[in-house]
Amino acid sequence: MNQNILFSDNEYYNHDLQQVEFHAQCQGRLIHCVISWITLNALDQPNTPPATANERAALALFEAARFDIEDLAEALINQQAFNDNGSIELNHC
């Protein structure tokens, strides 16, 4: 893990957008990161249609794939692949 990028354990499920949101800190900057329910489900079961999104399942999938998700987010941060809002989106990985 790159010591310049730290991930906090403050993830939460945004029901309206059906995504898990979490934060990274890089060089003193707080970076908002998101991963959609569809992407989370694809990480867990790549060839299966996504189940119905819910908070418990989304956070469980996030926790199970946390290290992979943080690696993907770290790579996007290093590439400076920020969206127009300055966030990192892991929705097309």
PDB file of N, CA and C in Angstrom:
ATOM      1  N   MET A   1       0.842  -1.190   0.000  1.00  0.00           N
ATOM      2  CA  MET A   1       0.000   0.000   0.000  1.00  0.00           C
ATOM      3  C   MET A   1       0.875   1.237   0.000  1.00  0.00           C
ATOM      4  N   ASN A   2       0.499   2.190  -0.777  1.00  0.00           N
ATOM      5  CA  ASN A   2       1.205   3.461  -0.846  1.00  0.00           C
ATOM      6  C   ASN A   2       0.932   4.244   0.440  1.00  0.00           C
ATOM      7  N   GLN A   3       1.961   4.574   1.162  1.00  0.00           N
ATOM      8  CA  GLN A   3       1.784   5.280   2.430  1.00  0.00           C
ATOM      9  C   GLN A   3       1.293   6.710   2.248  1.00  0.00           C
ATOM     10  N   ASN A   4       1.332   7.205   1.025  1.00  0.00           N
ATOM     11  CA  ASN A   4       0.831   8.551   0.770  1.00  0.00           C
ATOM     12  C   ASN A   4      -0.685   8.580   0.648  1.00  0.00           C
ATOM     13  N   ILE A   5      -1.307   7.430   0.478  1.00  0.00           N
ATOM     14  CA  ILE A   5      -2.760   7.348   0.359  1.00  0.00           C
ATOM     15  C   ILE A   5      -3.279   6.481   1.494  1.00  0.00           C
ATOM     16  N   LEU A   6      -4.114   7.066   2.324  1.00  0.00           N
ATOM     17  CA  LEU A   6      -4.694   6.366   3.463  1.00  0.00           C
ATOM     18  C   LEU A   6      -6.201   6.299   3.283  1.00  0.00           C
ATOM     19  N   PHE A   7      -6.779   5.145   3.592  1.00  0.00           N
ATOM     20  CA  PHE A   7      -8.222   4.961   3.495  1.00  0.00           C
ATOM     21  C   PHE A   7      -8.797   4.850   4.886  1.00  0.00           C
ATOM     22  N   SER A   8      -9.896   5.541   5.109  1.00  0.00           N
ATOM     23  CA  SER A   8     -10.540   5.487   6.417  1.00  0.00           C
ATOM     24  C   SER A   8     -11.585   4.371   6.424  1.00  0.00           C
ATOM     25  N   ASP A   9     -12.042   4.027   7.597  1.00  0.00           N
ATOM     26  CA  ASP A   9     -13.064   2.994   7.758  1.00  0.00           C
ATOM     27  C   ASP A   9     -14.436   3.631   7.962  1.00  0.00           C
ATOM     28  N   ASN A  10     -14.742   4.627   7.174  1.00  0.00           N
ATOM     29  CA  ASN A  10     -15.992   5.362   7.360  1.00  0.00           C
ATOM     30  C   ASN A  10     -16.953   5.179   6.189  1.00  0.00           C
ATOM     31  N   GLU A  11     -16.898   4.024   5.527  1.00  0.00           N
ATOM     32  CA  GLU A  11     -17.757   3.813   4.382  1.00  0.00           C
ATOM     33  C   GLU A  11     -19.229   3.807   4.792  1.00  0.00           C
ATOM     34  N   TYR A  12     -20.073   4.226   3.867  1.00  0.00           N
ATOM     35  CA  TYR A  12     -21.508   4.218   4.123  1.00  0.00           C
ATOM     36  C   TYR A  12     -22.235   3.989   2.804  1.00  0.00           C
ATOM     37  N   TYR A  13     -23.435   3.513   2.894  1.00  0.00           N
ATOM     38  CA  TYR A  13     -24.240   3.209   1.723  1.00  0.00           C
ATOM     39  C   TYR A  13     -25.176   4.368   1.430  1.00  0.00           C
ATOM     40  N   ASN A  14     -25.115   4.866   0.208  1.00  0.00           N
ATOM     41  CA  ASN A  14     -26.011   5.926  -0.247  1.00  0.00           C
ATOM     42  C   ASN A  14     -27.159   5.239  -0.974  1.00  0.00           C
ATOM     43  N   HIS A  15     -28.288   5.142  -0.303  1.00  0.00           N
ATOM     44  CA  HIS A  15     -29.438   4.420  -0.848  1.00  0.00           C
ATOM     45  C   HIS A  15     -29.948   5.070  -2.139  1.00  0.00           C
ATOM     46  N   ASP A  16     -30.018   6.389  -2.169  1.00  0.00           N
ATOM     47  CA  ASP A  16     -30.554   7.086  -3.338  1.00  0.00           C
ATOM     48  C   ASP A  16     -29.737   6.809  -4.596  1.00  0.00           C
ATOM     49  N   LEU A  17     -28.420   6.756  -4.459  1.00  0.00           N
ATOM     50  CA  LEU A  17     -27.543   6.537  -5.618  1.00  0.00           C
ATOM     51  C   LEU A  17     -27.096   5.077  -5.748  1.00  0.00           C
ATOM     52  N   GLN A  18     -27.489   4.236  -4.808  1.00  0.00           N
ATOM     53  CA  GLN A  18     -27.128   2.818  -4.780  1.00  0.00           C
ATOM     54  C   GLN A  18     -25.619   2.626  -4.966  1.00  0.00           C
ATOM     55  N   GLN A  19     -24.877   3.243  -4.046  1.00  0.00           N
ATOM     56  CA  GLN A  19     -23.421   3.133  -4.075  1.00  0.00           C
ATOM     57  C   GLN A  19     -22.864   3.231  -2.668  1.00  0.00           C
ATOM     58  N   VAL A  20     -21.675   2.659  -2.498  1.00  0.00           N
ATOM     59  CA  VAL A  20     -20.956   2.805  -1.241  1.00  0.00           C
ATOM     60  C   VAL A  20     -19.986   3.955  -1.422  1.00  0.00           C
ATOM     61  N   GLU A  21     -19.958   4.830  -0.444  1.00  0.00           N
ATOM     62  CA  GLU A  21     -19.081   5.991  -0.472  1.00  0.00           C
ATOM     63  C   GLU A  21     -18.062   5.859   0.657  1.00  0.00           C
ATOM     64  N   PHE A  22     -16.830   6.239   0.364  1.00  0.00           N
ATOM     65  CA  PHE A  22     -15.759   6.154   1.345  1.00  0.00           C
ATOM     66  C   PHE A  22     -14.743   7.240   1.030  1.00  0.00           C
ATOM     67  N   HIS A  23     -13.759   7.410   1.901  1.00  0.00           N
ATOM     68  CA  HIS A  23     -12.796   8.489   1.736  1.00  0.00           C
ATOM     69  C   HIS A  23     -11.361   7.984   1.776  1.00  0.00           C
ATOM     70  N   ALA A  24     -10.543   8.685   1.033  1.00  0.00           N
ATOM     71  CA  ALA A  24      -9.100   8.472   1.045  1.00  0.00           C
ATOM     72  C   ALA A  24      -8.462   9.808   1.381  1.00  0.00           C
ATOM     73  N   GLN A  25      -7.282   9.741   1.923  1.00  0.00           N
ATOM     74  CA  GLN A  25      -6.534  10.962   2.185  1.00  0.00           C
ATOM     75  C   GLN A  25      -5.195  10.840   1.472  1.00  0.00           C
ATOM     76  N   CYS A  26      -4.888  11.858   0.691  1.00  0.00           N
ATOM     77  CA  CYS A  26      -3.645  11.875  -0.075  1.00  0.00           C
ATOM     78  C   CYS A  26      -3.041  13.269   0.028  1.00  0.00           C
ATOM     79  N   GLN A  27      -1.845  13.334   0.571  1.00  0.00           N
ATOM     80  CA  GLN A  27      -1.123  14.601   0.716  1.00  0.00           C
ATOM     81  C   GLN A  27      -1.987  15.663   1.388  1.00  0.00           C
ATOM     82  N   GLY A  28      -2.695  15.251   2.437  1.00  0.00           N
ATOM     83  CA  GLY A  28      -3.520  16.170   3.209  1.00  0.00           C
ATOM     84  C   GLY A  28      -4.874  16.474   2.604  1.00  0.00           C
ATOM     85  N   ARG A  29      -5.169  15.937   1.450  1.00  0.00           N
ATOM     86  CA  ARG A  29      -6.436  16.194   0.760  1.00  0.00           C
ATOM     87  C   ARG A  29      -7.390  15.024   0.999  1.00  0.00           C
ATOM     88  N   LEU A  30      -8.623  15.329   1.386  1.00  0.00           N
ATOM     89  CA  LEU A  30      -9.648  14.318   1.569  1.00  0.00           C
ATOM     90  C   LEU A  30     -10.310  14.066   0.216  1.00  0.00           C
ATOM     91  N   ILE A  31     -10.307  12.811  -0.209  1.00  0.00           N
ATOM     92  CA  ILE A  31     -10.833  12.458  -1.525  1.00  0.00           C
ATOM     93  C   ILE A  31     -12.060  11.573  -1.343  1.00  0.00           C
ATOM     94  N   HIS A  32     -13.162  12.013  -1.906  1.00  0.00           N
ATOM     95  CA  HIS A  32     -14.413  11.271  -1.871  1.00  0.00           C
ATOM     96  C   HIS A  32     -14.352  10.191  -2.952  1.00  0.00           C
ATOM     97  N   CYS A  33     -14.624   8.939  -2.573  1.00  0.00           N
ATOM     98  CA  CYS A  33     -14.593   7.818  -3.502  1.00  0.00           C
ATOM     99  C   CYS A  33     -15.944   7.114  -3.468  1.00  0.00           C
ATOM    100  N   VAL A  34     -16.361   6.591  -4.615  1.00  0.00           N
ATOM    101  CA  VAL A  34     -17.631   5.870  -4.684  1.00  0.00           C
ATOM    102  C   VAL A  34     -17.468   4.614  -5.528  1.00  0.00           C
ATOM    103  N   ILE A  35     -18.232   3.597  -5.150  1.00  0.00           N
ATOM    104  CA  ILE A  35     -18.321   2.380  -5.946  1.00  0.00           C
ATOM    105  C   ILE A  35     -19.796   1.988  -5.993  1.00  0.00           C
ATOM    106  N   SER A  36     -20.296   1.783  -7.190  1.00  0.00           N
ATOM    107  CA  SER A  36     -21.712   1.485  -7.364  1.00  0.00           C
ATOM    108  C   SER A  36     -22.048   0.074  -6.917  1.00  0.00           C
ATOM    109  N   TRP A  37     -23.323  -0.134  -6.637  1.00  0.00           N
ATOM    110  CA  TRP A  37     -23.814  -1.457  -6.276  1.00  0.00           C
ATOM    111  C   TRP A  37     -23.515  -2.445  -7.408  1.00  0.00           C
ATOM    112  N   ILE A  38     -23.721  -2.035  -8.638  1.00  0.00           N
ATOM    113  CA  ILE A  38     -23.489  -2.924  -9.784  1.00  0.00           C
ATOM    114  C   ILE A  38     -22.018  -3.354  -9.837  1.00  0.00           C
ATOM    115  N   THR A  39     -21.104  -2.420  -9.624  1.00  0.00           N
ATOM    116  CA  THR A  39     -19.676  -2.752  -9.640  1.00  0.00           C
ATOM    117  C   THR A  39     -19.310  -3.640  -8.470  1.00  0.00           C
ATOM    118  N   LEU A  40     -19.842  -3.350  -7.280  1.00  0.00           N
ATOM    119  CA  LEU A  40     -19.593  -4.208  -6.115  1.00  0.00           C
ATOM    120  C   LEU A  40     -20.042  -5.634  -6.397  1.00  0.00           C
ATOM    121  N   ASN A  41     -21.240  -5.759  -6.930  1.00  0.00           N
ATOM    122  CA  ASN A  41     -21.784  -7.079  -7.220  1.00  0.00           C
ATOM    123  C   ASN A  41     -20.943  -7.789  -8.277  1.00  0.00           C
ATOM    124  N   ALA A  42     -20.453  -7.053  -9.268  1.00  0.00           N
ATOM    125  CA  ALA A  42     -19.621  -7.640 -10.323  1.00  0.00           C
ATOM    126  C   ALA A  42     -18.279  -8.118  -9.773  1.00  0.00           C
ATOM    127  N   LEU A  43     -17.744  -7.429  -8.773  1.00  0.00           N
ATOM    128  CA  LEU A  43     -16.500  -7.887  -8.143  1.00  0.00           C
ATOM    129  C   LEU A  43     -16.715  -9.220  -7.435  1.00  0.00           C
ATOM    130  N   ASP A  44     -17.893  -9.382  -6.862  1.00  0.00           N
ATOM    131  CA  ASP A  44     -18.201 -10.599  -6.108  1.00  0.00           C
ATOM    132  C   ASP A  44     -18.622 -11.745  -7.019  1.00  0.00           C
ATOM    133  N   GLN A  45     -19.469 -11.449  -7.990  1.00  0.00           N
ATOM    134  CA  GLN A  45     -20.008 -12.463  -8.898  1.00  0.00           C
ATOM    135  C   GLN A  45     -19.999 -11.907 -10.312  1.00  0.00           C
ATOM    136  N   PRO A  46     -18.853 -11.976 -11.001  1.00  0.00           N
ATOM    137  CA  PRO A  46     -18.695 -11.291 -12.282  1.00  0.00           C
ATOM    138  C   PRO A  46     -19.670 -11.689 -13.385  1.00  0.00           C
ATOM    139  N   ASN A  47     -20.163 -12.898 -13.382  1.00  0.00           N
ATOM    140  CA  ASN A  47     -21.031 -13.335 -14.479  1.00  0.00           C
ATOM    141  C   ASN A  47     -22.475 -13.538 -14.055  1.00  0.00           C
ATOM    142  N   THR A  48     -22.868 -12.891 -12.974  1.00  0.00           N
ATOM    143  CA  THR A  48     -24.214 -13.044 -12.446  1.00  0.00           C
ATOM    144  C   THR A  48     -24.914 -11.692 -12.446  1.00  0.00           C
ATOM    145  N   PRO A  49     -26.173 -11.649 -12.878  1.00  0.00           N
ATOM    146  CA  PRO A  49     -26.902 -10.373 -12.810  1.00  0.00           C
ATOM    147  C   PRO A  49     -26.956  -9.876 -11.369  1.00  0.00           C
ATOM    148  N   PRO A  50     -26.880  -8.576 -11.171  1.00  0.00           N
ATOM    149  CA  PRO A  50     -26.866  -8.048  -9.805  1.00  0.00           C
ATOM    150  C   PRO A  50     -28.167  -8.308  -9.064  1.00  0.00           C
ATOM    151  N   ALA A  51     -28.019  -8.633  -7.794  1.00  0.00           N
ATOM    152  CA  ALA A  51     -29.176  -8.780  -6.919  1.00  0.00           C
ATOM    153  C   ALA A  51     -29.708  -7.393  -6.575  1.00  0.00           C
ATOM    154  N   THR A  52     -30.809  -7.350  -5.885  1.00  0.00           N
ATOM    155  CA  THR A  52     -31.377  -6.078  -5.462  1.00  0.00           C
ATOM    156  C   THR A  52     -30.452  -5.411  -4.449  1.00  0.00           C
ATOM    157  N   ALA A  53     -30.204  -4.141  -4.660  1.00  0.00           N
ATOM    158  CA  ALA A  53     -29.295  -3.397  -3.784  1.00  0.00           C
ATOM    159  C   ALA A  53     -29.937  -3.164  -2.423  1.00  0.00           C
ATOM    160  N   ASN A  54     -29.127  -3.314  -1.379  1.00  0.00           N
ATOM    161  CA  ASN A  54     -29.553  -2.919  -0.044  1.00  0.00           C
ATOM    162  C   ASN A  54     -28.304  -2.636   0.778  1.00  0.00           C
ATOM    163  N   GLU A  55     -28.472  -1.887   1.841  1.00  0.00           N
ATOM    164  CA  GLU A  55     -27.334  -1.427   2.637  1.00  0.00           C
ATOM    165  C   GLU A  55     -26.514  -2.577   3.205  1.00  0.00           C
ATOM    166  N   ARG A  56     -27.154  -3.530   3.804  1.00  0.00           N
ATOM    167  CA  ARG A  56     -26.435  -4.632   4.437  1.00  0.00           C
ATOM    168  C   ARG A  56     -25.582  -5.397   3.427  1.00  0.00           C
ATOM    169  N   ALA A  57     -26.173  -5.746   2.290  1.00  0.00           N
ATOM    170  CA  ALA A  57     -25.440  -6.498   1.263  1.00  0.00           C
ATOM    171  C   ALA A  57     -24.307  -5.671   0.677  1.00  0.00           C
ATOM    172  N   ALA A  58     -24.568  -4.396   0.414  1.00  0.00           N
ATOM    173  CA  ALA A  58     -23.544  -3.530  -0.182  1.00  0.00           C
ATOM    174  C   ALA A  58     -22.345  -3.379   0.744  1.00  0.00           C
ATOM    175  N   LEU A  59     -22.592  -3.142   2.014  1.00  0.00           N
ATOM    176  CA  LEU A  59     -21.485  -2.968   2.955  1.00  0.00           C
ATOM    177  C   LEU A  59     -20.746  -4.280   3.195  1.00  0.00           C
ATOM    178  N   ALA A  60     -21.463  -5.399   3.153  1.00  0.00           N
ATOM    179  CA  ALA A  60     -20.802  -6.704   3.301  1.00  0.00           C
ATOM    180  C   ALA A  60     -19.906  -6.985   2.091  1.00  0.00           C
ATOM    181  N   LEU A  61     -20.395  -6.693   0.889  1.00  0.00           N
ATOM    182  CA  LEU A  61     -19.579  -6.879  -0.309  1.00  0.00           C
ATOM    183  C   LEU A  61     -18.370  -5.949  -0.287  1.00  0.00           C
ATOM    184  N   PHE A  62     -18.578  -4.716   0.156  1.00  0.00           N
ATOM    185  CA  PHE A  62     -17.479  -3.766   0.244  1.00  0.00           C
ATOM    186  C   PHE A  62     -16.402  -4.297   1.185  1.00  0.00           C
ATOM    187  N   GLU A  63     -16.811  -4.755   2.341  1.00  0.00           N
ATOM    188  CA  GLU A  63     -15.849  -5.250   3.329  1.00  0.00           C
ATOM    189  C   GLU A  63     -15.103  -6.477   2.813  1.00  0.00           C
ATOM    190  N   ALA A  64     -15.807  -7.359   2.122  1.00  0.00           N
ATOM    191  CA  ALA A  64     -15.179  -8.572   1.590  1.00  0.00           C
ATOM    192  C   ALA A  64     -14.135  -8.255   0.516  1.00  0.00           C
ATOM    193  N   ALA A  65     -14.354  -7.169  -0.210  1.00  0.00           N
ATOM    194  CA  ALA A  65     -13.440  -6.806  -1.310  1.00  0.00           C
ATOM    195  C   ALA A  65     -12.647  -5.540  -0.998  1.00  0.00           C
ATOM    196  N   ARG A  66     -12.605  -5.140   0.263  1.00  0.00           N
ATOM    197  CA  ARG A  66     -11.988  -3.873   0.657  1.00  0.00           C
ATOM    198  C   ARG A  66     -10.589  -3.672   0.070  1.00  0.00           C
ATOM    199  N   PHE A  67      -9.726  -4.655   0.178  1.00  0.00           N
ATOM    200  CA  PHE A  67      -8.348  -4.474  -0.288  1.00  0.00           C
ATOM    201  C   PHE A  67      -8.289  -4.284  -1.800  1.00  0.00           C
ATOM    202  N   ASP A  68      -9.103  -5.028  -2.531  1.00  0.00           N
ATOM    203  CA  ASP A  68      -9.154  -4.856  -3.987  1.00  0.00           C
ATOM    204  C   ASP A  68      -9.715  -3.482  -4.355  1.00  0.00           C
ATOM    205  N   ILE A  69     -10.747  -3.064  -3.648  1.00  0.00           N
ATOM    206  CA  ILE A  69     -11.361  -1.761  -3.907  1.00  0.00           C
ATOM    207  C   ILE A  69     -10.370  -0.638  -3.610  1.00  0.00           C
ATOM    208  N   GLU A  70      -9.663  -0.742  -2.497  1.00  0.00           N
ATOM    209  CA  GLU A  70      -8.670   0.277  -2.152  1.00  0.00           C
ATOM    210  C   GLU A  70      -7.536   0.300  -3.176  1.00  0.00           C
ATOM    211  N   ASP A  71      -7.137  -0.866  -3.684  1.00  0.00           N
ATOM    212  CA  ASP A  71      -6.108  -0.907  -4.733  1.00  0.00           C
ATOM    213  C   ASP A  71      -6.589  -0.210  -6.001  1.00  0.00           C
ATOM    214  N   LEU A  72      -7.846  -0.465  -6.385  1.00  0.00           N
ATOM    215  CA  LEU A  72      -8.407   0.185  -7.571  1.00  0.00           C
ATOM    216  C   LEU A  72      -8.496   1.698  -7.371  1.00  0.00           C
ATOM    217  N   ALA A  73      -8.962   2.105  -6.200  1.00  0.00           N
ATOM    218  CA  ALA A  73      -9.081   3.536  -5.905  1.00  0.00           C
ATOM    219  C   ALA A  73      -7.708   4.188  -5.889  1.00  0.00           C
ATOM    220  N   GLU A  74      -6.722   3.516  -5.299  1.00  0.00           N
ATOM    221  CA  GLU A  74      -5.361   4.056  -5.248  1.00  0.00           C
ATOM    222  C   GLU A  74      -4.807   4.261  -6.656  1.00  0.00           C
ATOM    223  N   ALA A  75      -5.036   3.297  -7.534  1.00  0.00           N
ATOM    224  CA  ALA A  75      -4.558   3.426  -8.914  1.00  0.00           C
ATOM    225  C   ALA A  75      -5.215   4.614  -9.602  1.00  0.00           C
ATOM    226  N   LEU A  76      -6.519   4.802  -9.395  1.00  0.00           N
ATOM    227  CA  LEU A  76      -7.217   5.936 -10.014  1.00  0.00           C
ATOM    228  C   LEU A  76      -6.750   7.267  -9.431  1.00  0.00           C
ATOM    229  N   ILE A  77      -6.480   7.295  -8.138  1.00  0.00           N
ATOM    230  CA  ILE A  77      -5.963   8.518  -7.516  1.00  0.00           C
ATOM    231  C   ILE A  77      -4.589   8.843  -8.089  1.00  0.00           C
ATOM    232  N   ASN A  78      -3.734   7.832  -8.205  1.00  0.00           N
ATOM    233  CA  ASN A  78      -2.396   8.051  -8.769  1.00  0.00           C
ATOM    234  C   ASN A  78      -2.457   8.522 -10.217  1.00  0.00           C
ATOM    235  N   GLN A  79      -3.490   8.085 -10.946  1.00  0.00           N
ATOM    236  CA  GLN A  79      -3.681   8.532 -12.329  1.00  0.00           C
ATOM    237  C   GLN A  79      -4.390   9.885 -12.398  1.00  0.00           C
ATOM    238  N   GLN A  80      -4.793  10.380 -11.241  1.00  0.00           N
ATOM    239  CA  GLN A  80      -5.560  11.619 -11.126  1.00  0.00           C
ATOM    240  C   GLN A  80      -6.826  11.560 -11.982  1.00  0.00           C
ATOM    241  N   ALA A  81      -7.512  10.427 -11.898  1.00  0.00           N
ATOM    242  CA  ALA A  81      -8.725  10.181 -12.677  1.00  0.00           C
ATOM    243  C   ALA A  81      -9.962  10.666 -11.922  1.00  0.00           C
ATOM    244  N   PHE A  82      -9.954  11.925 -11.546  1.00  0.00           N
ATOM    245  CA  PHE A  82     -11.063  12.504 -10.794  1.00  0.00           C
ATOM    246  C   PHE A  82     -12.195  12.885 -11.735  1.00  0.00           C
ATOM    247  N   ASN A  83     -13.429  12.764 -11.259  1.00  0.00           N
ATOM    248  CA  ASN A  83     -14.558  13.223 -12.065  1.00  0.00           C
ATOM    249  C   ASN A  83     -14.695  14.736 -11.926  1.00  0.00           C
ATOM    250  N   ASP A  84     -15.724  15.295 -12.522  1.00  0.00           N
ATOM    251  CA  ASP A  84     -15.909  16.754 -12.501  1.00  0.00           C
ATOM    252  C   ASP A  84     -16.113  17.311 -11.098  1.00  0.00           C
ATOM    253  N   ASN A  85     -16.552  16.468 -10.169  1.00  0.00           N
ATOM    254  CA  ASN A  85     -16.756  16.894  -8.776  1.00  0.00           C
ATOM    255  C   ASN A  85     -15.540  16.675  -7.900  1.00  0.00           C
ATOM    256  N   GLY A  86     -14.452  16.145  -8.488  1.00  0.00           N
ATOM    257  CA  GLY A  86     -13.247  15.892  -7.723  1.00  0.00           C
ATOM    258  C   GLY A  86     -13.254  14.557  -6.994  1.00  0.00           C
ATOM    259  N   SER A  87     -14.209  13.692  -7.335  1.00  0.00           N
ATOM    260  CA  SER A  87     -14.326  12.376  -6.701  1.00  0.00           C
ATOM    261  C   SER A  87     -13.701  11.305  -7.581  1.00  0.00           C
ATOM    262  N   ILE A  88     -13.448  10.172  -6.964  1.00  0.00           N
ATOM    263  CA  ILE A  88     -12.979   8.981  -7.675  1.00  0.00           C
ATOM    264  C   ILE A  88     -14.165   8.035  -7.784  1.00  0.00           C
ATOM    265  N   GLU A  89     -14.482   7.599  -9.002  1.00  0.00           N
ATOM    266  CA  GLU A  89     -15.568   6.670  -9.237  1.00  0.00           C
ATOM    267  C   GLU A  89     -15.028   5.328  -9.675  1.00  0.00           C
ATOM    268  N   LEU A  90     -15.372   4.293  -8.950  1.00  0.00           N
ATOM    269  CA  LEU A  90     -14.952   2.934  -9.294  1.00  0.00           C
ATOM    270  C   LEU A  90     -16.115   2.206  -9.943  1.00  0.00           C
ATOM    271  N   ASN A  91     -16.816   2.869 -10.825  1.00  0.00           N
ATOM    272  CA  ASN A  91     -18.034   2.299 -11.394  1.00  0.00           C
ATOM    273  C   ASN A  91     -17.827   1.679 -12.751  1.00  0.00           C
ATOM    274  N   HIS A  92     -16.640   1.722 -13.265  1.00  0.00           N
ATOM    275  CA  HIS A  92     -16.387   1.163 -14.594  1.00  0.00           C
ATOM    276  C   HIS A  92     -15.164   0.274 -14.576  1.00  0.00           C
ATOM    277  N   CYS A  93     -14.842  -0.277 -13.415  1.00  0.00           N
ATOM    278  CA  CYS A  93     -13.632  -1.093 -13.269  1.00  0.00           C
ATOM    279  C   CYS A  93     -13.893  -2.515 -13.708  1.00  0.00           C
TER     280      CYS A  93
END
